[in-house]
Amino acid sequence: MKEDKIIKKVYVVKYALTQGIQIFENVEVCTAVSDGTMIQVEKNYFFYKGDWYTDPNNAIREAENMRFKKINSLKKKIIKLEKMEFKI
């Protein structure tokens, strides 16, 4: 039986825009995915690579990228709403 891999600290960015960057310690790499790209946090929370990082700088960079994309998306929506006219 192979030994489960434990990562000392991970930074989860999946919900960074609503909850901030979450930090978890002693996280288990999920054995259901053989390439080690999925982790299990606590009992029922699973995250795929790209939603979590072991380097805090990469996590911050990804969260900033997510924020930038969201701001641009909202700007486009504002422009669309400003152009909208109602007629009866």
PDB file of N, CA and C in Angstrom:
ATOM      1  N   MET A   1       0.849  -1.175   0.000  1.00  0.00           N
ATOM      2  CA  MET A   1       0.000   0.000   0.000  1.00  0.00           C
ATOM      3  C   MET A   1       0.893   1.235   0.000  1.00  0.00           C
ATOM      4  N   LYS A   2       0.623   2.172  -0.923  1.00  0.00           N
ATOM      5  CA  LYS A   2       1.474   3.346  -0.975  1.00  0.00           C
ATOM      6  C   LYS A   2       1.060   4.365   0.077  1.00  0.00           C
ATOM      7  N   GLU A   3       2.042   5.108   0.538  1.00  0.00           N
ATOM      8  CA  GLU A   3       1.822   6.091   1.583  1.00  0.00           C
ATOM      9  C   GLU A   3       1.181   7.349   0.993  1.00  0.00           C
ATOM     10  N   ASP A   4       0.197   7.894   1.685  1.00  0.00           N
ATOM     11  CA  ASP A   4      -0.453   9.128   1.244  1.00  0.00           C
ATOM     12  C   ASP A   4       0.522  10.290   1.362  1.00  0.00           C
ATOM     13  N   LYS A   5       0.476  11.174   0.381  1.00  0.00           N
ATOM     14  CA  LYS A   5       1.344  12.333   0.385  1.00  0.00           C
ATOM     15  C   LYS A   5       0.640  13.484   1.104  1.00  0.00           C
ATOM     16  N   ILE A   6       1.366  14.135   1.963  1.00  0.00           N
ATOM     17  CA  ILE A   6       0.845  15.273   2.708  1.00  0.00           C
ATOM     18  C   ILE A   6       1.630  16.511   2.296  1.00  0.00           C
ATOM     19  N   ILE A   7       0.912  17.600   2.015  1.00  0.00           N
ATOM     20  CA  ILE A   7       1.542  18.879   1.703  1.00  0.00           C
ATOM     21  C   ILE A   7       1.400  19.757   2.938  1.00  0.00           C
ATOM     22  N   LYS A   8       2.512  20.320   3.379  1.00  0.00           N
ATOM     23  CA  LYS A   8       2.502  21.088   4.624  1.00  0.00           C
ATOM     24  C   LYS A   8       1.559  22.281   4.590  1.00  0.00           C
ATOM     25  N   LYS A   9       1.551  23.034   3.485  1.00  0.00           N
ATOM     26  CA  LYS A   9       0.705  24.222   3.421  1.00  0.00           C
ATOM     27  C   LYS A   9       0.283  24.473   1.983  1.00  0.00           C
ATOM     28  N   VAL A  10      -1.010  24.743   1.793  1.00  0.00           N
ATOM     29  CA  VAL A  10      -1.526  25.110   0.477  1.00  0.00           C
ATOM     30  C   VAL A  10      -2.346  26.388   0.596  1.00  0.00           C
ATOM     31  N   TYR A  11      -2.383  27.111  -0.521  1.00  0.00           N
ATOM     32  CA  TYR A  11      -3.129  28.357  -0.617  1.00  0.00           C
ATOM     33  C   TYR A  11      -4.224  28.151  -1.662  1.00  0.00           C
ATOM     34  N   VAL A  12      -5.468  28.162  -1.225  1.00  0.00           N
ATOM     35  CA  VAL A  12      -6.597  27.890  -2.107  1.00  0.00           C
ATOM     36  C   VAL A  12      -7.175  29.216  -2.588  1.00  0.00           C
ATOM     37  N   VAL A  13      -7.262  29.359  -3.926  1.00  0.00           N
ATOM     38  CA  VAL A  13      -7.742  30.604  -4.527  1.00  0.00           C
ATOM     39  C   VAL A  13      -9.100  30.455  -5.214  1.00  0.00           C
ATOM     40  N   LYS A  14      -9.696  29.298  -5.150  1.00  0.00           N
ATOM     41  CA  LYS A  14     -10.947  29.054  -5.876  1.00  0.00           C
ATOM     42  C   LYS A  14     -12.018  30.089  -5.530  1.00  0.00           C
ATOM     43  N   TYR A  15     -12.120  30.453  -4.275  1.00  0.00           N
ATOM     44  CA  TYR A  15     -13.132  31.415  -3.831  1.00  0.00           C
ATOM     45  C   TYR A  15     -12.491  32.729  -3.383  1.00  0.00           C
ATOM     46  N   ALA A  16     -11.375  33.086  -3.983  1.00  0.00           N
ATOM     47  CA  ALA A  16     -10.619  34.265  -3.558  1.00  0.00           C
ATOM     48  C   ALA A  16     -11.424  35.553  -3.670  1.00  0.00           C
ATOM     49  N   LEU A  17     -12.293  35.662  -4.655  1.00  0.00           N
ATOM     50  CA  LEU A  17     -13.044  36.901  -4.834  1.00  0.00           C
ATOM     51  C   LEU A  17     -14.175  37.066  -3.820  1.00  0.00           C
ATOM     52  N   THR A  18     -14.557  36.016  -3.156  1.00  0.00           N
ATOM     53  CA  THR A  18     -15.621  36.115  -2.158  1.00  0.00           C
ATOM     54  C   THR A  18     -15.133  35.839  -0.739  1.00  0.00           C
ATOM     55  N   GLN A  19     -14.106  35.006  -0.604  1.00  0.00           N
ATOM     56  CA  GLN A  19     -13.650  34.615   0.730  1.00  0.00           C
ATOM     57  C   GLN A  19     -12.176  34.931   0.973  1.00  0.00           C
ATOM     58  N   GLY A  20     -11.498  35.427  -0.043  1.00  0.00           N
ATOM     59  CA  GLY A  20     -10.064  35.657   0.083  1.00  0.00           C
ATOM     60  C   GLY A  20      -9.291  34.369  -0.156  1.00  0.00           C
ATOM     61  N   ILE A  21      -7.980  34.456  -0.066  1.00  0.00           N
ATOM     62  CA  ILE A  21      -7.132  33.268  -0.228  1.00  0.00           C
ATOM     63  C   ILE A  21      -7.172  32.487   1.077  1.00  0.00           C
ATOM     64  N   GLN A  22      -7.538  31.225   0.986  1.00  0.00           N
ATOM     65  CA  GLN A  22      -7.624  30.380   2.168  1.00  0.00           C
ATOM     66  C   GLN A  22      -6.338  29.573   2.316  1.00  0.00           C
ATOM     67  N   ILE A  23      -5.876  29.438   3.538  1.00  0.00           N
ATOM     68  CA  ILE A  23      -4.649  28.699   3.818  1.00  0.00           C
ATOM     69  C   ILE A  23      -5.008  27.449   4.625  1.00  0.00           C
ATOM     70  N   PHE A  24      -4.527  26.305   4.139  1.00  0.00           N
ATOM     71  CA  PHE A  24      -4.744  25.041   4.842  1.00  0.00           C
ATOM     72  C   PHE A  24      -3.397  24.369   5.077  1.00  0.00           C
ATOM     73  N   GLU A  25      -3.257  23.721   6.206  1.00  0.00           N
ATOM     74  CA  GLU A  25      -2.014  23.031   6.541  1.00  0.00           C
ATOM     75  C   GLU A  25      -2.241  21.525   6.603  1.00  0.00           C
ATOM     76  N   ASN A  26      -1.169  20.789   6.340  1.00  0.00           N
ATOM     77  CA  ASN A  26      -1.187  19.324   6.359  1.00  0.00           C
ATOM     78  C   ASN A  26      -2.327  18.762   5.515  1.00  0.00           C
ATOM     79  N   VAL A  27      -2.281  19.097   4.243  1.00  0.00           N
ATOM     80  CA  VAL A  27      -3.322  18.718   3.292  1.00  0.00           C
ATOM     81  C   VAL A  27      -2.937  17.428   2.594  1.00  0.00           C
ATOM     82  N   GLU A  28      -3.906  16.562   2.429  1.00  0.00           N
ATOM     83  CA  GLU A  28      -3.669  15.260   1.797  1.00  0.00           C
ATOM     84  C   GLU A  28      -3.896  15.341   0.290  1.00  0.00           C
ATOM     85  N   VAL A  29      -2.947  14.810  -0.458  1.00  0.00           N
ATOM     86  CA  VAL A  29      -3.121  14.683  -1.904  1.00  0.00           C
ATOM     87  C   VAL A  29      -4.065  13.513  -2.130  1.00  0.00           C
ATOM     88  N   CYS A  30      -5.098  13.745  -2.908  1.00  0.00           N
ATOM     89  CA  CYS A  30      -6.139  12.746  -3.120  1.00  0.00           C
ATOM     90  C   CYS A  30      -5.606  11.599  -3.985  1.00  0.00           C
ATOM     91  N   THR A  31      -5.812  10.398  -3.543  1.00  0.00           N
ATOM     92  CA  THR A  31      -5.330   9.224  -4.272  1.00  0.00           C
ATOM     93  C   THR A  31      -6.243   8.857  -5.436  1.00  0.00           C
ATOM     94  N   ALA A  32      -7.420   9.471  -5.520  1.00  0.00           N
ATOM     95  CA  ALA A  32      -8.341   9.176  -6.619  1.00  0.00           C
ATOM     96  C   ALA A  32      -7.792   9.663  -7.955  1.00  0.00           C
ATOM     97  N   VAL A  33      -6.934  10.676  -7.910  1.00  0.00           N
ATOM     98  CA  VAL A  33      -6.304  11.196  -9.118  1.00  0.00           C
ATOM     99  C   VAL A  33      -4.818  10.878  -9.012  1.00  0.00           C
ATOM    100  N   SER A  34      -4.339  10.034  -9.879  1.00  0.00           N
ATOM    101  CA  SER A  34      -2.981   9.502  -9.747  1.00  0.00           C
ATOM    102  C   SER A  34      -1.873  10.513  -9.989  1.00  0.00           C
ATOM    103  N   ASP A  35      -2.172  11.630 -10.677  1.00  0.00           N
ATOM    104  CA  ASP A  35      -1.107  12.583 -10.981  1.00  0.00           C
ATOM    105  C   ASP A  35      -0.899  13.626  -9.887  1.00  0.00           C
ATOM    106  N   GLY A  36      -1.616  13.528  -8.772  1.00  0.00           N
ATOM    107  CA  GLY A  36      -1.401  14.425  -7.644  1.00  0.00           C
ATOM    108  C   GLY A  36      -1.918  15.835  -7.854  1.00  0.00           C
ATOM    109  N   THR A  37      -2.908  15.988  -8.726  1.00  0.00           N
ATOM    110  CA  THR A  37      -3.411  17.329  -9.006  1.00  0.00           C
ATOM    111  C   THR A  37      -4.632  17.693  -8.166  1.00  0.00           C
ATOM    112  N   MET A  38      -5.117  16.767  -7.359  1.00  0.00           N
ATOM    113  CA  MET A  38      -6.288  17.058  -6.536  1.00  0.00           C
ATOM    114  C   MET A  38      -5.935  16.865  -5.067  1.00  0.00           C
ATOM    115  N   ILE A  39      -6.408  17.798  -4.246  1.00  0.00           N
ATOM    116  CA  ILE A  39      -6.171  17.685  -2.813  1.00  0.00           C
ATOM    117  C   ILE A  39      -7.498  17.593  -2.085  1.00  0.00           C
ATOM    118  N   GLN A  40      -7.431  17.017  -0.892  1.00  0.00           N
ATOM    119  CA  GLN A  40      -8.615  16.948  -0.038  1.00  0.00           C
ATOM    120  C   GLN A  40      -8.330  17.801   1.183  1.00  0.00           C
ATOM    121  N   VAL A  41      -9.222  18.769   1.405  1.00  0.00           N
ATOM    122  CA  VAL A  41      -9.100  19.661   2.547  1.00  0.00           C
ATOM    123  C   VAL A  41     -10.251  19.351   3.483  1.00  0.00           C
ATOM    124  N   GLU A  42      -9.938  19.182   4.724  1.00  0.00           N
ATOM    125  CA  GLU A  42     -10.934  18.805   5.721  1.00  0.00           C
ATOM    126  C   GLU A  42     -11.624  17.526   5.270  1.00  0.00           C
ATOM    127  N   LYS A  43     -12.924  17.386   5.509  1.00  0.00           N
ATOM    128  CA  LYS A  43     -13.554  16.106   5.214  1.00  0.00           C
ATOM    129  C   LYS A  43     -14.135  16.005   3.806  1.00  0.00           C
ATOM    130  N   ASN A  44     -14.838  17.036   3.357  1.00  0.00           N
ATOM    131  CA  ASN A  44     -15.567  16.927   2.092  1.00  0.00           C
ATOM    132  C   ASN A  44     -15.202  17.976   1.064  1.00  0.00           C
ATOM    133  N   TYR A  45     -14.057  18.588   1.183  1.00  0.00           N
ATOM    134  CA  TYR A  45     -13.663  19.624   0.234  1.00  0.00           C
ATOM    135  C   TYR A  45     -12.497  19.135  -0.617  1.00  0.00           C
ATOM    136  N   PHE A  46     -12.689  19.186  -1.943  1.00  0.00           N
ATOM    137  CA  PHE A  46     -11.669  18.760  -2.886  1.00  0.00           C
ATOM    138  C   PHE A  46     -11.362  19.915  -3.826  1.00  0.00           C
ATOM    139  N   PHE A  47     -10.089  20.099  -4.146  1.00  0.00           N
ATOM    140  CA  PHE A  47      -9.681  21.164  -5.057  1.00  0.00           C
ATOM    141  C   PHE A  47      -8.690  20.609  -6.078  1.00  0.00           C
ATOM    142  N   TYR A  48      -8.883  20.996  -7.333  1.00  0.00           N
ATOM    143  CA  TYR A  48      -7.967  20.594  -8.399  1.00  0.00           C
ATOM    144  C   TYR A  48      -6.849  21.621  -8.541  1.00  0.00           C
ATOM    145  N   LYS A  49      -5.725  21.194  -9.101  1.00  0.00           N
ATOM    146  CA  LYS A  49      -4.601  22.091  -9.364  1.00  0.00           C
ATOM    147  C   LYS A  49      -5.097  23.263 -10.190  1.00  0.00           C
ATOM    148  N   GLY A  50      -4.645  24.432  -9.860  1.00  0.00           N
ATOM    149  CA  GLY A  50      -5.145  25.649 -10.477  1.00  0.00           C
ATOM    150  C   GLY A  50      -6.055  26.386  -9.502  1.00  0.00           C
ATOM    151  N   ASP A  51      -6.681  25.623  -8.603  1.00  0.00           N
ATOM    152  CA  ASP A  51      -7.464  26.213  -7.518  1.00  0.00           C
ATOM    153  C   ASP A  51      -6.625  26.326  -6.251  1.00  0.00           C
ATOM    154  N   TRP A  52      -5.464  25.672  -6.248  1.00  0.00           N
ATOM    155  CA  TRP A  52      -4.592  25.731  -5.077  1.00  0.00           C
ATOM    156  C   TRP A  52      -3.127  25.793  -5.500  1.00  0.00           C
ATOM    157  N   TYR A  53      -2.311  26.364  -4.630  1.00  0.00           N
ATOM    158  CA  TYR A  53      -0.874  26.535  -4.892  1.00  0.00           C
ATOM    159  C   TYR A  53      -0.101  26.277  -3.609  1.00  0.00           C
ATOM    160  N   THR A  54       1.130  25.850  -3.762  1.00  0.00           N
ATOM    161  CA  THR A  54       1.998  25.689  -2.599  1.00  0.00           C
ATOM    162  C   THR A  54       2.868  26.928  -2.380  1.00  0.00           C
ATOM    163  N   ASP A  55       2.969  27.765  -3.385  1.00  0.00           N
ATOM    164  CA  ASP A  55       3.749  28.999  -3.300  1.00  0.00           C
ATOM    165  C   ASP A  55       2.790  30.179  -3.106  1.00  0.00           C
ATOM    166  N   PRO A  56       2.938  30.945  -2.024  1.00  0.00           N
ATOM    167  CA  PRO A  56       2.018  32.061  -1.783  1.00  0.00           C
ATOM    168  C   PRO A  56       2.055  33.119  -2.878  1.00  0.00           C
ATOM    169  N   ASN A  57       3.210  33.326  -3.492  1.00  0.00           N
ATOM    170  CA  ASN A  57       3.311  34.318  -4.568  1.00  0.00           C
ATOM    171  C   ASN A  57       2.484  33.911  -5.784  1.00  0.00           C
ATOM    172  N   ASN A  58       2.473  32.641  -6.110  1.00  0.00           N
ATOM    173  CA  ASN A  58       1.643  32.148  -7.221  1.00  0.00           C
ATOM    174  C   ASN A  58       0.157  32.287  -6.894  1.00  0.00           C
ATOM    175  N   ALA A  59      -0.209  32.038  -5.647  1.00  0.00           N
ATOM    176  CA  ALA A  59      -1.600  32.180  -5.229  1.00  0.00           C
ATOM    177  C   ALA A  59      -2.044  33.636  -5.346  1.00  0.00           C
ATOM    178  N   ILE A  60      -1.206  34.552  -4.897  1.00  0.00           N
ATOM    179  CA  ILE A  60      -1.529  35.976  -4.993  1.00  0.00           C
ATOM    180  C   ILE A  60      -1.643  36.396  -6.450  1.00  0.00           C
ATOM    181  N   ARG A  61      -0.730  35.934  -7.271  1.00  0.00           N
ATOM    182  CA  ARG A  61      -0.744  36.269  -8.701  1.00  0.00           C
ATOM    183  C   ARG A  61      -2.047  35.789  -9.352  1.00  0.00           C
ATOM    184  N   GLU A  62      -2.462  34.575  -9.029  1.00  0.00           N
ATOM    185  CA  GLU A  62      -3.698  34.033  -9.593  1.00  0.00           C
ATOM    186  C   GLU A  62      -4.921  34.800  -9.082  1.00  0.00           C
ATOM    187  N   ALA A  63      -4.955  35.127  -7.797  1.00  0.00           N
ATOM    188  CA  ALA A  63      -6.080  35.886  -7.236  1.00  0.00           C
ATOM    189  C   ALA A  63      -6.164  37.272  -7.880  1.00  0.00           C
ATOM    190  N   GLU A  64      -5.010  37.908  -8.095  1.00  0.00           N
ATOM    191  CA  GLU A  64      -4.993  39.217  -8.768  1.00  0.00           C
ATOM    192  C   GLU A  64      -5.497  39.095 -10.199  1.00  0.00           C
ATOM    193  N   ASN A  65      -5.127  38.031 -10.879  1.00  0.00           N
ATOM    194  CA  ASN A  65      -5.600  37.780 -12.239  1.00  0.00           C
ATOM    195  C   ASN A  65      -7.117  37.585 -12.257  1.00  0.00           C
ATOM    196  N   MET A  66      -7.631  36.841 -11.297  1.00  0.00           N
ATOM    197  CA  MET A  66      -9.071  36.632 -11.184  1.00  0.00           C
ATOM    198  C   MET A  66      -9.787  37.962 -10.953  1.00  0.00           C
ATOM    199  N   ARG A  67      -9.224  38.789 -10.084  1.00  0.00           N
ATOM    200  CA  ARG A  67      -9.808  40.100  -9.782  1.00  0.00           C
ATOM    201  C   ARG A  67      -9.822  40.979 -11.034  1.00  0.00           C
ATOM    202  N   PHE A  68      -8.713  40.991 -11.759  1.00  0.00           N
ATOM    203  CA  PHE A  68      -8.599  41.785 -12.987  1.00  0.00           C
ATOM    204  C   PHE A  68      -9.663  41.368 -14.005  1.00  0.00           C
ATOM    205  N   LYS A  69      -9.824  40.064 -14.197  1.00  0.00           N
ATOM    206  CA  LYS A  69     -10.822  39.558 -15.141  1.00  0.00           C
ATOM    207  C   LYS A  69     -12.240  39.930 -14.713  1.00  0.00           C
ATOM    208  N   LYS A  70     -12.513  39.849 -13.417  1.00  0.00           N
ATOM    209  CA  LYS A  70     -13.842  40.191 -12.915  1.00  0.00           C
ATOM    210  C   LYS A  70     -14.125  41.682 -13.115  1.00  0.00           C
ATOM    211  N   ILE A  71     -13.151  42.537 -12.843  1.00  0.00           N
ATOM    212  CA  ILE A  71     -13.315  43.981 -13.040  1.00  0.00           C
ATOM    213  C   ILE A  71     -13.612  44.278 -14.506  1.00  0.00           C
ATOM    214  N   ASN A  72     -12.868  43.678 -15.413  1.00  0.00           N
ATOM    215  CA  ASN A  72     -13.106  43.892 -16.851  1.00  0.00           C
ATOM    216  C   ASN A  72     -14.493  43.414 -17.269  1.00  0.00           C
ATOM    217  N   SER A  73     -14.922  42.300 -16.741  1.00  0.00           N
ATOM    218  CA  SER A  73     -16.247  41.780 -17.042  1.00  0.00           C
ATOM    219  C   SER A  73     -17.323  42.747 -16.552  1.00  0.00           C
ATOM    220  N   LEU A  74     -17.154  43.276 -15.354  1.00  0.00           N
ATOM    221  CA  LEU A  74     -18.136  44.218 -14.815  1.00  0.00           C
ATOM    222  C   LEU A  74     -18.151  45.530 -15.586  1.00  0.00           C
ATOM    223  N   LYS A  75     -16.987  45.985 -16.041  1.00  0.00           N
ATOM    224  CA  LYS A  75     -16.935  47.205 -16.859  1.00  0.00           C
ATOM    225  C   LYS A  75     -17.747  47.028 -18.140  1.00  0.00           C
ATOM    226  N   LYS A  76     -17.621  45.878 -18.769  1.00  0.00           N
ATOM    227  CA  LYS A  76     -18.384  45.598 -19.987  1.00  0.00           C
ATOM    228  C   LYS A  76     -19.882  45.604 -19.696  1.00  0.00           C
ATOM    229  N   LYS A  77     -20.282  45.038 -18.568  1.00  0.00           N
ATOM    230  CA  LYS A  77     -21.690  45.016 -18.200  1.00  0.00           C
ATOM    231  C   LYS A  77     -22.206  46.430 -17.932  1.00  0.00           C
ATOM    232  N   ILE A  78     -21.395  47.278 -17.293  1.00  0.00           N
ATOM    233  CA  ILE A  78     -21.785  48.663 -17.024  1.00  0.00           C
ATOM    234  C   ILE A  78     -21.999  49.409 -18.330  1.00  0.00           C
ATOM    235  N   ILE A  79     -21.091  49.239 -19.278  1.00  0.00           N
ATOM    236  CA  ILE A  79     -21.225  49.908 -20.580  1.00  0.00           C
ATOM    237  C   ILE A  79     -22.515  49.464 -21.263  1.00  0.00           C
ATOM    238  N   LYS A  80     -22.802  48.201 -21.218  1.00  0.00           N
ATOM    239  CA  LYS A  80     -24.024  47.671 -21.836  1.00  0.00           C
ATOM    240  C   LYS A  80     -25.264  48.274 -21.165  1.00  0.00           C
ATOM    241  N   LEU A  81     -25.245  48.364 -19.840  1.00  0.00           N
ATOM    242  CA  LEU A  81     -26.377  48.943 -19.118  1.00  0.00           C
ATOM    243  C   LEU A  81     -26.533  50.434 -19.406  1.00  0.00           C
ATOM    244  N   GLU A  82     -25.427  51.142 -19.543  1.00  0.00           N
ATOM    245  CA  GLU A  82     -25.486  52.573 -19.830  1.00  0.00           C
ATOM    246  C   GLU A  82     -26.080  52.843 -21.214  1.00  0.00           C
ATOM    247  N   LYS A  83     -25.847  51.958 -22.141  1.00  0.00           N
ATOM    248  CA  LYS A  83     -26.371  52.119 -23.499  1.00  0.00           C
ATOM    249  C   LYS A  83     -27.832  51.706 -23.618  1.00  0.00           C
ATOM    250  N   MET A  84     -28.328  51.014 -22.656  1.00  0.00           N
ATOM    251  CA  MET A  84     -29.679  50.478 -22.697  1.00  0.00           C
ATOM    252  C   MET A  84     -30.712  51.618 -22.639  1.00  0.00           C
ATOM    253  N   GLU A  85     -31.715  51.515 -23.485  1.00  0.00           N
ATOM    254  CA  GLU A  85     -32.823  52.476 -23.484  1.00  0.00           C
ATOM    255  C   GLU A  85     -34.133  51.722 -23.374  1.00  0.00           C
ATOM    256  N   PHE A  86     -35.054  52.322 -22.638  1.00  0.00           N
ATOM    257  CA  PHE A  86     -36.366  51.706 -22.476  1.00  0.00           C
ATOM    258  C   PHE A  86     -37.398  52.530 -23.228  1.00  0.00           C
ATOM    259  N   LYS A  87     -38.179  51.872 -24.045  1.00  0.00           N
ATOM    260  CA  LYS A  87     -39.237  52.531 -24.814  1.00  0.00           C
ATOM    261  C   LYS A  87     -40.516  51.717 -24.721  1.00  0.00           C
ATOM    262  N   ILE A  88     -41.591  52.438 -24.738  1.00  0.00           N
ATOM    263  CA  ILE A  88     -42.891  51.758 -24.705  1.00  0.00           C
ATOM    264  C   ILE A  88     -43.668  52.141 -25.946  1.00  0.00           C
TER     265      ILE A  88
END
